[in-house]
Protein backbone atom coordinates (compact mmCIF):
# COMPACT_ATOMS: atom_id res chain seq x y z
CA MET A 1 168.72 -58.66 135.56
CA SER A 2 166.99 -61.14 132.84
CA LEU A 3 163.66 -60.19 131.35
CA ASP A 4 162.81 -64.09 133.09
CA LEU A 5 163.35 -62.60 136.57
CA SER A 6 162.18 -59.45 136.12
CA LEU A 7 158.75 -61.36 135.34
CA GLU A 8 158.67 -63.58 138.02
CA ILE A 9 159.30 -60.68 140.54
CA TRP A 10 156.18 -59.12 138.83
CA GLU A 11 154.44 -62.02 139.69
CA ALA A 12 155.55 -62.50 143.25
CA LEU A 13 154.67 -58.78 143.76
CA ARG A 14 151.08 -58.87 142.26
CA PRO A 15 149.49 -59.97 145.26
CA HIS A 16 151.01 -57.53 147.36
CA ILE A 17 149.87 -54.48 145.19
CA ALA A 18 146.09 -54.04 146.90
CA GLY A 19 144.44 -53.91 143.49
CA GLY A 20 146.65 -51.15 142.23
CA PHE A 21 147.90 -53.45 139.13
CA GLN A 22 147.53 -51.10 136.23
CA ALA A 23 149.63 -48.63 137.80
CA ALA A 24 151.85 -50.73 138.86
CA ALA A 25 152.32 -52.54 135.55
CA ASP A 26 152.61 -49.02 133.72
CA ASP A 27 155.57 -48.24 136.35
CA PHE A 28 156.86 -51.67 135.90
CA VAL A 29 156.84 -51.47 131.72
CA SER A 30 157.98 -47.72 132.14
CA ILE A 31 161.03 -49.06 134.19
CA LEU A 32 161.79 -51.75 131.87
CA SER A 33 161.64 -49.71 128.66
CA GLU A 34 163.97 -46.92 130.13
CA ASN A 35 166.62 -49.46 131.32
CA ALA A 36 166.86 -50.76 127.80
CA TYR A 37 164.82 -54.10 127.71
CA SER A 38 163.47 -55.25 124.45
CA LEU A 39 159.40 -54.30 124.85
CA GLU A 40 158.73 -56.63 122.25
CA GLU A 41 160.51 -59.81 123.71
CA LEU A 42 158.47 -58.80 127.21
CA SER A 43 155.50 -58.81 124.92
CA GLU A 44 155.82 -62.13 123.49
CA ASN A 45 156.84 -63.33 127.00
CA THR A 46 153.92 -62.21 129.33
CA THR A 47 150.32 -62.87 129.04
CA ASP A 48 149.67 -60.71 131.70
CA SER A 49 146.68 -58.34 130.89
CA TYR A 50 148.36 -55.31 132.93
CA ILE A 51 151.53 -55.59 131.67
CA ARG A 52 149.91 -55.98 127.95
CA SER A 53 148.06 -52.89 128.58
CA SER A 54 150.99 -51.16 129.52
CA LEU A 55 152.74 -51.94 126.38
CA LYS A 56 150.22 -50.64 124.08
CA ASP A 57 151.40 -47.08 124.99
CA TYR A 58 154.66 -48.06 123.67
CA ILE A 59 154.42 -50.92 120.94
CA GLU A 60 151.78 -52.21 118.61
CA LEU A 61 150.25 -55.42 120.00
CA ASP A 62 149.04 -58.24 118.21
CA ASP A 63 145.24 -57.79 119.01
CA ASP A 64 144.87 -61.77 117.88
CA GLU A 65 146.26 -62.64 121.36
CA PRO A 66 144.05 -64.23 124.13
CA GLU A 67 143.30 -62.00 126.74
CA ILE A 68 143.87 -63.61 130.31
CA ASP A 69 141.45 -62.31 133.05
CA ASP A 70 143.86 -61.05 136.05
CA ASP A 71 141.04 -60.73 138.42
CA MET A 72 142.11 -59.85 141.84
CA ASP A 73 140.24 -62.91 143.53
CA GLU A 74 143.00 -65.15 142.40
CA TYR A 75 144.91 -63.51 144.92
CA SER A 76 143.02 -63.50 147.70
């Protein structure tokens, strides 16, 4: 499965996660890491704040990148 497809799946599932975004993102990043996906490439290809927060446990992120407010309200 490509990284782009993985991110598309994440975006499609987000509205259905009932507010547990950070835990879901932690699991998402963990699974990608365990399956040899490049977390640096993931970092370069997403602006999702929950995924970026999860990535901080694995890699050093550039703090100069803009944060995107991923409020649950946008999916209501």
